[in-house]
Amino acid sequence: MLQFLAGDDPRLRRTTQKIGRKVTKAQQKTISKVRKMLEASPGAMAIAAPQVGIDLRFFVVRRTATETMVVIDPKVVWTSLDEAEDFFVDTQGNPVARQISQWEGCLSFPGMEFLIVRPQIIRIEFMNEKGTMKCASLSGFDARVFLHETDHLDGVMIDRKCEASRKIEDEEEDRMAM
């Protein structure tokens, strides 16, 4: 049975191994276990493989109350931080900040929140569990979740990149965690 690793576990601070162009049957079973764990974790938005002791480069993210998505070998190909100005204009002509600081929770650090600066908009590439390559642009909360989970795959823990941290109350902890 899979269990969450505590934030100080050294396995969380290592870069994970790529899955590659084809997902094996054994890897599909592992992905299925992580998906079931996410579905059984109320309030959780996503689980990265290393958070449960698996040394593979994937995470499962909750898209809706009943739908999850698997992200394999993710790569960020562009962020709004790549722009030169403090603000830039989106495709609708609206000014958008390049970055934003927000509080994030993490399943590896129950009872804590961390203030993290992240880009507002990102472009990504990844493979789904069927082996199909995908490209997408994400913004706001979706970008934040993707980057948080990709950090886990890179061995970068939230406690090392935060501007501040704070304890949260039990009822606050029921909010969505990553």
N, C-alpha and C. Protein backbone atom coordinates (compact mmCIF):
# COMPACT_ATOMS: atom_id res chain seq x y z
N MET A 1 0.83 -1.19 0.00
CA MET A 1 0.00 0.00 0.00
C MET A 1 0.87 1.25 0.00
N LEU A 2 0.50 2.22 -0.81
CA LEU A 2 1.26 3.46 -0.91
C LEU A 2 0.98 4.37 0.28
N GLN A 3 2.01 5.08 0.73
CA GLN A 3 1.86 6.05 1.81
C GLN A 3 2.63 7.31 1.43
N PHE A 4 2.13 8.46 1.92
CA PHE A 4 2.81 9.72 1.67
C PHE A 4 4.10 9.78 2.46
N LEU A 5 5.15 10.27 1.80
CA LEU A 5 6.42 10.49 2.47
C LEU A 5 6.40 11.87 3.13
N ALA A 6 7.03 11.96 4.29
CA ALA A 6 7.14 13.24 4.99
C ALA A 6 8.12 14.14 4.24
N GLY A 7 7.94 15.44 4.35
CA GLY A 7 8.74 16.42 3.62
C GLY A 7 10.23 16.34 3.83
N ASP A 8 10.67 15.75 4.94
CA ASP A 8 12.11 15.65 5.20
C ASP A 8 12.71 14.35 4.67
N ASP A 9 11.93 13.52 4.01
CA ASP A 9 12.43 12.25 3.45
C ASP A 9 13.37 12.56 2.28
N PRO A 10 14.60 12.04 2.30
CA PRO A 10 15.57 12.35 1.25
C PRO A 10 15.14 11.89 -0.15
N ARG A 11 14.24 10.92 -0.24
CA ARG A 11 13.76 10.46 -1.55
C ARG A 11 12.98 11.55 -2.29
N LEU A 12 12.47 12.52 -1.54
CA LEU A 12 11.72 13.62 -2.16
C LEU A 12 12.64 14.68 -2.76
N ARG A 13 13.91 14.60 -2.50
CA ARG A 13 14.87 15.62 -2.94
C ARG A 13 15.73 15.14 -4.10
N ARG A 14 15.28 14.09 -4.78
CA ARG A 14 16.01 13.55 -5.93
C ARG A 14 15.19 13.73 -7.20
N THR A 15 15.90 13.89 -8.31
CA THR A 15 15.25 13.94 -9.61
C THR A 15 14.77 12.54 -9.98
N THR A 16 13.55 12.45 -10.49
CA THR A 16 12.96 11.15 -10.84
C THR A 16 13.41 10.70 -12.22
N GLN A 17 13.20 9.40 -12.47
CA GLN A 17 13.59 8.80 -13.74
C GLN A 17 12.48 8.96 -14.77
N LYS A 18 12.89 9.30 -16.00
CA LYS A 18 11.92 9.44 -17.09
C LYS A 18 11.30 8.09 -17.43
N ILE A 19 10.07 8.14 -17.87
CA ILE A 19 9.38 6.93 -18.31
C ILE A 19 9.72 6.62 -19.76
N GLY A 20 9.80 7.63 -20.60
CA GLY A 20 10.18 7.40 -21.99
C GLY A 20 8.98 7.34 -22.91
N ARG A 21 9.18 6.85 -24.11
CA ARG A 21 8.16 6.88 -25.17
C ARG A 21 7.03 5.87 -25.00
N LYS A 22 7.25 4.83 -24.22
CA LYS A 22 6.22 3.80 -24.05
C LYS A 22 6.03 3.49 -22.57
N VAL A 23 4.76 3.49 -22.15
CA VAL A 23 4.43 3.16 -20.77
C VAL A 23 4.24 1.64 -20.68
N THR A 24 5.02 1.01 -19.82
CA THR A 24 4.92 -0.45 -19.67
C THR A 24 3.69 -0.83 -18.86
N LYS A 25 3.34 -2.10 -18.89
CA LYS A 25 2.20 -2.59 -18.10
C LYS A 25 2.46 -2.39 -16.61
N ALA A 26 3.69 -2.62 -16.17
CA ALA A 26 4.03 -2.42 -14.76
C ALA A 26 3.87 -0.95 -14.38
N GLN A 27 4.32 -0.05 -15.27
CA GLN A 27 4.16 1.38 -15.00
C GLN A 27 2.69 1.78 -15.00
N GLN A 28 1.88 1.18 -15.88
CA GLN A 28 0.44 1.46 -15.90
C GLN A 28 -0.20 1.05 -14.58
N LYS A 29 0.21 -0.07 -14.02
CA LYS A 29 -0.32 -0.51 -12.72
C LYS A 29 0.07 0.48 -11.62
N THR A 30 1.31 0.94 -11.67
CA THR A 30 1.78 1.92 -10.68
C THR A 30 0.98 3.21 -10.80
N ILE A 31 0.78 3.69 -12.02
CA ILE A 31 0.00 4.90 -12.25
C ILE A 31 -1.42 4.73 -11.72
N SER A 32 -1.99 3.57 -11.94
CA SER A 32 -3.34 3.28 -11.46
C SER A 32 -3.42 3.35 -9.93
N LYS A 33 -2.40 2.86 -9.25
CA LYS A 33 -2.37 2.92 -7.78
C LYS A 33 -2.33 4.36 -7.29
N VAL A 34 -1.53 5.20 -7.96
CA VAL A 34 -1.43 6.60 -7.56
C VAL A 34 -2.76 7.31 -7.85
N ARG A 35 -3.38 6.99 -8.98
CA ARG A 35 -4.68 7.58 -9.31
C ARG A 35 -5.72 7.23 -8.22
N LYS A 36 -5.75 5.96 -7.81
CA LYS A 36 -6.70 5.54 -6.78
C LYS A 36 -6.41 6.24 -5.45
N MET A 37 -5.15 6.45 -5.16
CA MET A 37 -4.78 7.15 -3.93
C MET A 37 -5.29 8.60 -3.98
N LEU A 38 -5.13 9.25 -5.13
CA LEU A 38 -5.62 10.62 -5.28
C LEU A 38 -7.14 10.65 -5.11
N GLU A 39 -7.83 9.73 -5.76
CA GLU A 39 -9.29 9.68 -5.67
C GLU A 39 -9.77 9.45 -4.25
N ALA A 40 -8.95 8.76 -3.44
CA ALA A 40 -9.31 8.47 -2.05
C ALA A 40 -8.80 9.53 -1.07
N SER A 41 -8.21 10.62 -1.57
CA SER A 41 -7.64 11.67 -0.71
C SER A 41 -8.47 12.94 -0.85
N PRO A 42 -9.47 13.13 0.02
CA PRO A 42 -10.32 14.31 -0.09
C PRO A 42 -9.50 15.60 0.00
N GLY A 43 -9.80 16.53 -0.87
CA GLY A 43 -9.12 17.82 -0.86
C GLY A 43 -7.82 17.85 -1.63
N ALA A 44 -7.26 16.69 -1.97
CA ALA A 44 -5.99 16.67 -2.70
C ALA A 44 -6.23 17.00 -4.16
N MET A 45 -5.39 17.86 -4.71
CA MET A 45 -5.49 18.25 -6.12
C MET A 45 -4.62 17.38 -7.02
N ALA A 46 -3.50 16.90 -6.49
CA ALA A 46 -2.56 16.13 -7.32
C ALA A 46 -1.62 15.35 -6.42
N ILE A 47 -1.08 14.29 -6.98
CA ILE A 47 -0.04 13.51 -6.30
C ILE A 47 1.05 13.22 -7.32
N ALA A 48 2.28 13.59 -6.97
CA ALA A 48 3.44 13.26 -7.79
C ALA A 48 4.00 11.93 -7.30
N ALA A 49 4.49 11.12 -8.22
CA ALA A 49 5.01 9.79 -7.89
C ALA A 49 5.99 9.79 -6.72
N PRO A 50 6.96 10.70 -6.66
CA PRO A 50 7.91 10.64 -5.55
C PRO A 50 7.27 10.89 -4.18
N GLN A 51 6.11 11.54 -4.13
CA GLN A 51 5.45 11.79 -2.85
C GLN A 51 5.02 10.49 -2.17
N VAL A 52 4.91 9.43 -2.96
CA VAL A 52 4.54 8.13 -2.40
C VAL A 52 5.64 7.09 -2.62
N GLY A 53 6.88 7.58 -2.79
CA GLY A 53 8.05 6.71 -2.85
C GLY A 53 8.33 6.06 -4.19
N ILE A 54 7.74 6.58 -5.27
CA ILE A 54 7.94 6.00 -6.60
C ILE A 54 8.91 6.88 -7.39
N ASP A 55 9.98 6.29 -7.88
CA ASP A 55 11.02 7.03 -8.59
C ASP A 55 10.74 7.06 -10.10
N LEU A 56 9.59 7.61 -10.47
CA LEU A 56 9.22 7.78 -11.87
C LEU A 56 8.70 9.19 -12.09
N ARG A 57 8.87 9.68 -13.31
CA ARG A 57 8.54 11.06 -13.65
C ARG A 57 7.09 11.17 -14.14
N PHE A 58 6.15 11.13 -13.19
CA PHE A 58 4.74 11.34 -13.53
C PHE A 58 3.98 11.87 -12.32
N PHE A 59 2.85 12.49 -12.60
CA PHE A 59 1.92 12.84 -11.54
C PHE A 59 0.50 12.69 -12.05
N VAL A 60 -0.41 12.59 -11.10
CA VAL A 60 -1.83 12.49 -11.40
C VAL A 60 -2.49 13.72 -10.81
N VAL A 61 -3.30 14.40 -11.62
CA VAL A 61 -3.95 15.64 -11.18
C VAL A 61 -5.46 15.49 -11.30
N ARG A 62 -6.16 16.06 -10.33
CA ARG A 62 -7.61 16.05 -10.34
C ARG A 62 -8.09 17.18 -11.24
N ARG A 63 -8.82 16.86 -12.28
CA ARG A 63 -9.37 17.87 -13.21
C ARG A 63 -10.74 18.34 -12.74
N THR A 64 -11.58 17.41 -12.31
CA THR A 64 -12.90 17.71 -11.75
C THR A 64 -13.11 16.74 -10.59
N ALA A 65 -14.29 16.79 -9.99
CA ALA A 65 -14.58 15.91 -8.86
C ALA A 65 -14.50 14.43 -9.26
N THR A 66 -14.74 14.13 -10.52
CA THR A 66 -14.75 12.73 -10.96
C THR A 66 -13.72 12.39 -12.03
N GLU A 67 -12.93 13.36 -12.45
CA GLU A 67 -11.98 13.14 -13.55
C GLU A 67 -10.56 13.46 -13.11
N THR A 68 -9.63 12.55 -13.43
CA THR A 68 -8.22 12.78 -13.18
C THR A 68 -7.46 12.71 -14.50
N MET A 69 -6.26 13.23 -14.50
CA MET A 69 -5.42 13.22 -15.69
C MET A 69 -4.00 12.82 -15.27
N VAL A 70 -3.36 12.01 -16.10
CA VAL A 70 -1.99 11.58 -15.84
C VAL A 70 -1.05 12.42 -16.71
N VAL A 71 0.01 12.92 -16.09
CA VAL A 71 1.03 13.72 -16.78
C VAL A 71 2.36 12.99 -16.64
N ILE A 72 2.94 12.59 -17.78
CA ILE A 72 4.17 11.81 -17.79
C ILE A 72 5.29 12.63 -18.46
N ASP A 73 6.46 12.59 -17.86
CA ASP A 73 7.65 13.28 -18.38
C ASP A 73 7.35 14.73 -18.79
N PRO A 74 6.79 15.53 -17.88
CA PRO A 74 6.42 16.90 -18.23
C PRO A 74 7.63 17.79 -18.47
N LYS A 75 7.42 18.77 -19.32
CA LYS A 75 8.47 19.75 -19.63
C LYS A 75 7.81 21.12 -19.80
N VAL A 76 8.34 22.11 -19.10
CA VAL A 76 7.89 23.49 -19.27
C VAL A 76 8.73 24.09 -20.38
N VAL A 77 8.09 24.53 -21.47
CA VAL A 77 8.83 25.05 -22.61
C VAL A 77 8.85 26.59 -22.67
N TRP A 78 7.97 27.24 -21.90
CA TRP A 78 7.94 28.70 -21.85
C TRP A 78 7.16 29.12 -20.61
N THR A 79 7.57 30.23 -20.00
CA THR A 79 6.80 30.82 -18.91
C THR A 79 6.70 32.32 -19.13
N SER A 80 5.73 32.92 -18.47
CA SER A 80 5.58 34.37 -18.56
C SER A 80 6.77 35.10 -17.97
N LEU A 81 7.60 34.42 -17.21
CA LEU A 81 8.83 35.02 -16.69
C LEU A 81 9.87 35.20 -17.78
N ASP A 82 9.66 34.55 -18.93
CA ASP A 82 10.57 34.72 -20.06
C ASP A 82 10.41 36.09 -20.73
N GLU A 83 9.33 36.80 -20.40
CA GLU A 83 9.08 38.12 -20.97
C GLU A 83 9.94 39.17 -20.27
N ALA A 84 10.26 40.25 -20.97
CA ALA A 84 11.15 41.28 -20.44
C ALA A 84 10.45 42.29 -19.53
N GLU A 85 9.20 42.59 -19.79
CA GLU A 85 8.48 43.61 -19.03
C GLU A 85 7.84 43.01 -17.78
N ASP A 86 7.48 43.88 -16.81
CA ASP A 86 6.79 43.40 -15.61
C ASP A 86 5.41 42.86 -15.94
N PHE A 87 4.78 43.47 -16.95
CA PHE A 87 3.48 43.01 -17.42
C PHE A 87 3.58 42.76 -18.91
N PHE A 88 2.76 41.89 -19.44
CA PHE A 88 2.69 41.72 -20.87
C PHE A 88 1.23 41.59 -21.24
N VAL A 89 0.92 41.59 -22.51
CA VAL A 89 -0.46 41.57 -22.98
C VAL A 89 -0.81 40.17 -23.44
N ASP A 90 -1.95 39.64 -22.94
CA ASP A 90 -2.38 38.31 -23.36
C ASP A 90 -3.05 38.37 -24.73
N THR A 91 -3.54 37.25 -25.22
CA THR A 91 -4.11 37.19 -26.57
C THR A 91 -5.38 38.01 -26.72
N GLN A 92 -6.05 38.36 -25.60
CA GLN A 92 -7.23 39.22 -25.65
C GLN A 92 -6.89 40.70 -25.47
N GLY A 93 -5.61 41.02 -25.35
CA GLY A 93 -5.18 42.40 -25.20
C GLY A 93 -5.19 42.90 -23.76
N ASN A 94 -5.33 42.01 -22.80
CA ASN A 94 -5.36 42.40 -21.38
C ASN A 94 -3.96 42.32 -20.78
N PRO A 95 -3.61 43.31 -19.94
CA PRO A 95 -2.31 43.23 -19.26
C PRO A 95 -2.32 42.11 -18.22
N VAL A 96 -1.24 41.35 -18.17
CA VAL A 96 -1.12 40.22 -17.24
C VAL A 96 0.23 40.32 -16.55
N ALA A 97 0.23 40.15 -15.23
CA ALA A 97 1.49 40.13 -14.49
C ALA A 97 2.28 38.89 -14.88
N ARG A 98 3.59 39.02 -14.92
CA ARG A 98 4.44 37.89 -15.27
C ARG A 98 4.45 36.82 -14.20
N GLN A 99 4.31 37.23 -12.95
CA GLN A 99 4.39 36.29 -11.83
C GLN A 99 3.43 36.70 -10.73
N ILE A 100 3.17 35.76 -9.82
CA ILE A 100 2.30 36.05 -8.69
C ILE A 100 2.74 35.20 -7.50
N SER A 101 2.65 35.77 -6.31
CA SER A 101 2.92 35.04 -5.07
C SER A 101 1.59 34.57 -4.49
N GLN A 102 1.52 33.29 -4.14
CA GLN A 102 0.33 32.74 -3.50
C GLN A 102 0.73 31.66 -2.52
N TRP A 103 -0.16 31.41 -1.55
CA TRP A 103 0.05 30.35 -0.58
C TRP A 103 -0.31 29.01 -1.21
N GLU A 104 0.54 28.01 -0.98
CA GLU A 104 0.31 26.65 -1.47
C GLU A 104 0.43 25.66 -0.32
N GLY A 105 -0.43 24.66 -0.35
CA GLY A 105 -0.30 23.54 0.56
C GLY A 105 0.41 22.41 -0.15
N CYS A 106 0.84 21.42 0.61
CA CYS A 106 1.54 20.28 0.02
C CYS A 106 1.26 19.05 0.88
N LEU A 107 0.90 17.96 0.25
CA LEU A 107 0.62 16.72 0.97
C LEU A 107 1.84 16.21 1.74
N SER A 108 3.02 16.62 1.33
CA SER A 108 4.25 16.21 2.01
C SER A 108 4.50 17.01 3.29
N PHE A 109 3.77 18.12 3.45
CA PHE A 109 3.91 18.98 4.63
C PHE A 109 2.52 19.28 5.21
N PRO A 110 1.86 18.28 5.79
CA PRO A 110 0.52 18.53 6.33
C PRO A 110 0.57 19.59 7.43
N GLY A 111 -0.47 20.42 7.44
CA GLY A 111 -0.57 21.46 8.45
C GLY A 111 0.24 22.70 8.17
N MET A 112 0.82 22.80 6.96
CA MET A 112 1.66 23.95 6.60
C MET A 112 1.20 24.54 5.27
N GLU A 113 1.49 25.82 5.10
CA GLU A 113 1.32 26.51 3.82
C GLU A 113 2.60 27.29 3.54
N PHE A 114 2.88 27.46 2.24
CA PHE A 114 4.12 28.12 1.82
C PHE A 114 3.79 29.18 0.77
N LEU A 115 4.39 30.37 0.92
CA LEU A 115 4.18 31.45 -0.04
C LEU A 115 5.21 31.27 -1.16
N ILE A 116 4.70 31.04 -2.37
CA ILE A 116 5.55 30.70 -3.51
C ILE A 116 5.29 31.67 -4.66
N VAL A 117 6.37 32.16 -5.28
CA VAL A 117 6.27 32.97 -6.49
C VAL A 117 6.33 32.03 -7.69
N ARG A 118 5.35 32.15 -8.56
CA ARG A 118 5.33 31.33 -9.78
C ARG A 118 4.89 32.19 -10.96
N PRO A 119 5.27 31.77 -12.17
CA PRO A 119 4.79 32.48 -13.37
C PRO A 119 3.28 32.34 -13.51
N GLN A 120 2.66 33.33 -14.09
CA GLN A 120 1.21 33.32 -14.31
C GLN A 120 0.80 32.37 -15.43
N ILE A 121 1.61 32.31 -16.49
CA ILE A 121 1.26 31.53 -17.67
C ILE A 121 2.45 30.66 -18.05
N ILE A 122 2.16 29.42 -18.45
CA ILE A 122 3.22 28.51 -18.91
C ILE A 122 2.74 27.76 -20.15
N ARG A 123 3.70 27.32 -20.93
CA ARG A 123 3.43 26.38 -22.03
C ARG A 123 4.16 25.10 -21.68
N ILE A 124 3.48 23.98 -21.90
CA ILE A 124 4.01 22.70 -21.44
C ILE A 124 3.91 21.65 -22.53
N GLU A 125 4.74 20.63 -22.37
CA GLU A 125 4.68 19.41 -23.17
C GLU A 125 4.72 18.24 -22.20
N PHE A 126 3.97 17.20 -22.50
CA PHE A 126 3.96 16.01 -21.67
C PHE A 126 3.35 14.86 -22.47
N MET A 127 3.43 13.69 -21.89
CA MET A 127 2.82 12.51 -22.50
C MET A 127 1.70 12.05 -21.57
N ASN A 128 0.59 11.60 -22.17
CA ASN A 128 -0.47 11.03 -21.34
C ASN A 128 -0.21 9.54 -21.16
N GLU A 129 -1.06 8.87 -20.39
CA GLU A 129 -0.80 7.45 -20.09
C GLU A 129 -0.95 6.53 -21.28
N LYS A 130 -1.53 7.02 -22.37
CA LYS A 130 -1.64 6.23 -23.60
C LYS A 130 -0.42 6.43 -24.50
N GLY A 131 0.52 7.29 -24.08
CA GLY A 131 1.72 7.53 -24.86
C GLY A 131 1.60 8.64 -25.88
N THR A 132 0.52 9.40 -25.84
CA THR A 132 0.30 10.50 -26.77
C THR A 132 0.94 11.76 -26.23
N MET A 133 1.75 12.42 -27.07
CA MET A 133 2.36 13.69 -26.68
C MET A 133 1.32 14.80 -26.73
N LYS A 134 1.35 15.67 -25.72
CA LYS A 134 0.40 16.77 -25.60
C LYS A 134 1.16 18.07 -25.40
N CYS A 135 0.58 19.15 -25.89
CA CYS A 135 1.09 20.51 -25.66
C CYS A 135 -0.09 21.33 -25.16
N ALA A 136 0.18 22.24 -24.24
CA ALA A 136 -0.90 23.06 -23.71
C ALA A 136 -0.33 24.34 -23.13
N SER A 137 -1.18 25.35 -23.03
CA SER A 137 -0.88 26.58 -22.30
C SER A 137 -1.75 26.57 -21.06
N LEU A 138 -1.16 26.86 -19.92
CA LEU A 138 -1.88 26.90 -18.65
C LEU A 138 -1.67 28.24 -17.99
N SER A 139 -2.66 28.68 -17.25
CA SER A 139 -2.52 29.93 -16.52
C SER A 139 -3.12 29.79 -15.13
N GLY A 140 -2.79 30.74 -14.27
CA GLY A 140 -3.37 30.79 -12.93
C GLY A 140 -3.16 29.52 -12.14
N PHE A 141 -4.25 29.03 -11.53
CA PHE A 141 -4.19 27.87 -10.64
C PHE A 141 -3.69 26.61 -11.36
N ASP A 142 -4.14 26.40 -12.61
CA ASP A 142 -3.69 25.21 -13.35
C ASP A 142 -2.18 25.23 -13.56
N ALA A 143 -1.63 26.39 -13.89
CA ALA A 143 -0.18 26.52 -14.06
C ALA A 143 0.53 26.25 -12.74
N ARG A 144 -0.02 26.77 -11.66
CA ARG A 144 0.57 26.60 -10.33
C ARG A 144 0.63 25.12 -9.95
N VAL A 145 -0.45 24.39 -10.15
CA VAL A 145 -0.48 22.97 -9.81
C VAL A 145 0.55 22.20 -10.66
N PHE A 146 0.58 22.48 -11.96
CA PHE A 146 1.52 21.80 -12.85
C PHE A 146 2.96 22.05 -12.39
N LEU A 147 3.29 23.30 -12.08
CA LEU A 147 4.65 23.62 -11.66
C LEU A 147 4.99 23.00 -10.30
N HIS A 148 4.03 23.00 -9.38
CA HIS A 148 4.25 22.41 -8.06
C HIS A 148 4.60 20.92 -8.20
N GLU A 149 3.81 20.21 -9.01
CA GLU A 149 4.05 18.78 -9.18
C GLU A 149 5.34 18.51 -9.97
N THR A 150 5.63 19.34 -10.95
CA THR A 150 6.88 19.18 -11.70
C THR A 150 8.08 19.42 -10.78
N ASP A 151 7.96 20.37 -9.85
CA ASP A 151 9.01 20.56 -8.86
C ASP A 151 9.27 19.26 -8.09
N HIS A 152 8.20 18.57 -7.69
CA HIS A 152 8.38 17.29 -6.99
C HIS A 152 9.20 16.32 -7.84
N LEU A 153 8.91 16.27 -9.14
CA LEU A 153 9.63 15.35 -10.03
C LEU A 153 11.10 15.73 -10.18
N ASP A 154 11.40 17.01 -9.98
CA ASP A 154 12.77 17.50 -10.06
C ASP A 154 13.49 17.49 -8.71
N GLY A 155 12.82 16.99 -7.67
CA GLY A 155 13.43 16.96 -6.34
C GLY A 155 13.47 18.30 -5.65
N VAL A 156 12.68 19.25 -6.13
CA VAL A 156 12.63 20.59 -5.54
C VAL A 156 11.42 20.65 -4.61
N MET A 157 11.69 20.81 -3.33
CA MET A 157 10.61 20.83 -2.35
C MET A 157 10.21 22.26 -2.02
N ILE A 158 8.95 22.42 -1.75
CA ILE A 158 8.33 23.72 -1.53
C ILE A 158 8.97 24.49 -0.37
N ASP A 159 9.46 23.77 0.64
CA ASP A 159 10.05 24.44 1.79
C ASP A 159 11.37 25.13 1.46
N ARG A 160 11.99 24.76 0.33
CA ARG A 160 13.27 25.35 -0.07
C ARG A 160 13.10 26.53 -1.03
N LYS A 161 11.91 26.72 -1.59
CA LYS A 161 11.75 27.81 -2.55
C LYS A 161 10.71 28.83 -2.13
N CYS A 162 10.27 28.76 -0.88
CA CYS A 162 9.21 29.65 -0.43
C CYS A 162 9.76 30.98 0.09
N GLU A 163 8.90 32.00 0.02
CA GLU A 163 9.21 33.31 0.59
C GLU A 163 8.89 33.32 2.08
N ALA A 164 7.88 32.53 2.49
CA ALA A 164 7.45 32.44 3.88
C ALA A 164 6.68 31.14 4.05
N SER A 165 6.50 30.74 5.29
CA SER A 165 5.69 29.57 5.58
C SER A 165 4.88 29.85 6.84
N ARG A 166 3.78 29.09 7.00
CA ARG A 166 2.94 29.26 8.19
C ARG A 166 2.18 27.96 8.45
N LYS A 167 1.85 27.78 9.73
CA LYS A 167 1.01 26.66 10.11
C LYS A 167 -0.43 27.04 9.81
N ILE A 168 -1.23 26.03 9.48
CA ILE A 168 -2.64 26.29 9.21
C ILE A 168 -3.50 25.44 10.15
N GLU A 169 -4.69 25.91 10.39
CA GLU A 169 -5.62 25.20 11.26
C GLU A 169 -6.18 23.98 10.55
N ASP A 170 -6.67 23.02 11.32
CA ASP A 170 -7.20 21.78 10.74
C ASP A 170 -8.30 22.04 9.72
N GLU A 171 -9.22 22.98 10.01
CA GLU A 171 -10.30 23.22 9.06
C GLU A 171 -9.79 23.88 7.78
N GLU A 172 -8.72 24.66 7.89
CA GLU A 172 -8.11 25.24 6.70
C GLU A 172 -7.41 24.17 5.87
N GLU A 173 -6.89 23.15 6.54
CA GLU A 173 -6.14 22.11 5.86
C GLU A 173 -7.03 21.29 4.90
N ASP A 174 -8.33 21.33 5.15
CA ASP A 174 -9.24 20.61 4.27
C ASP A 174 -9.33 21.24 2.89
N ARG A 175 -8.75 22.46 2.73
CA ARG A 175 -8.69 23.05 1.41
C ARG A 175 -7.80 22.19 0.54
N MET A 176 -7.85 22.43 -0.76
CA MET A 176 -7.11 21.58 -1.68
C MET A 176 -5.62 21.68 -1.48
N ALA A 177 -4.96 20.54 -1.42
CA ALA A 177 -3.51 20.45 -1.27
C ALA A 177 -2.93 19.80 -2.52
N MET A 178 -1.63 20.06 -2.75
CA MET A 178 -0.97 19.51 -3.94
C MET A 178 0.09 18.52 -3.52
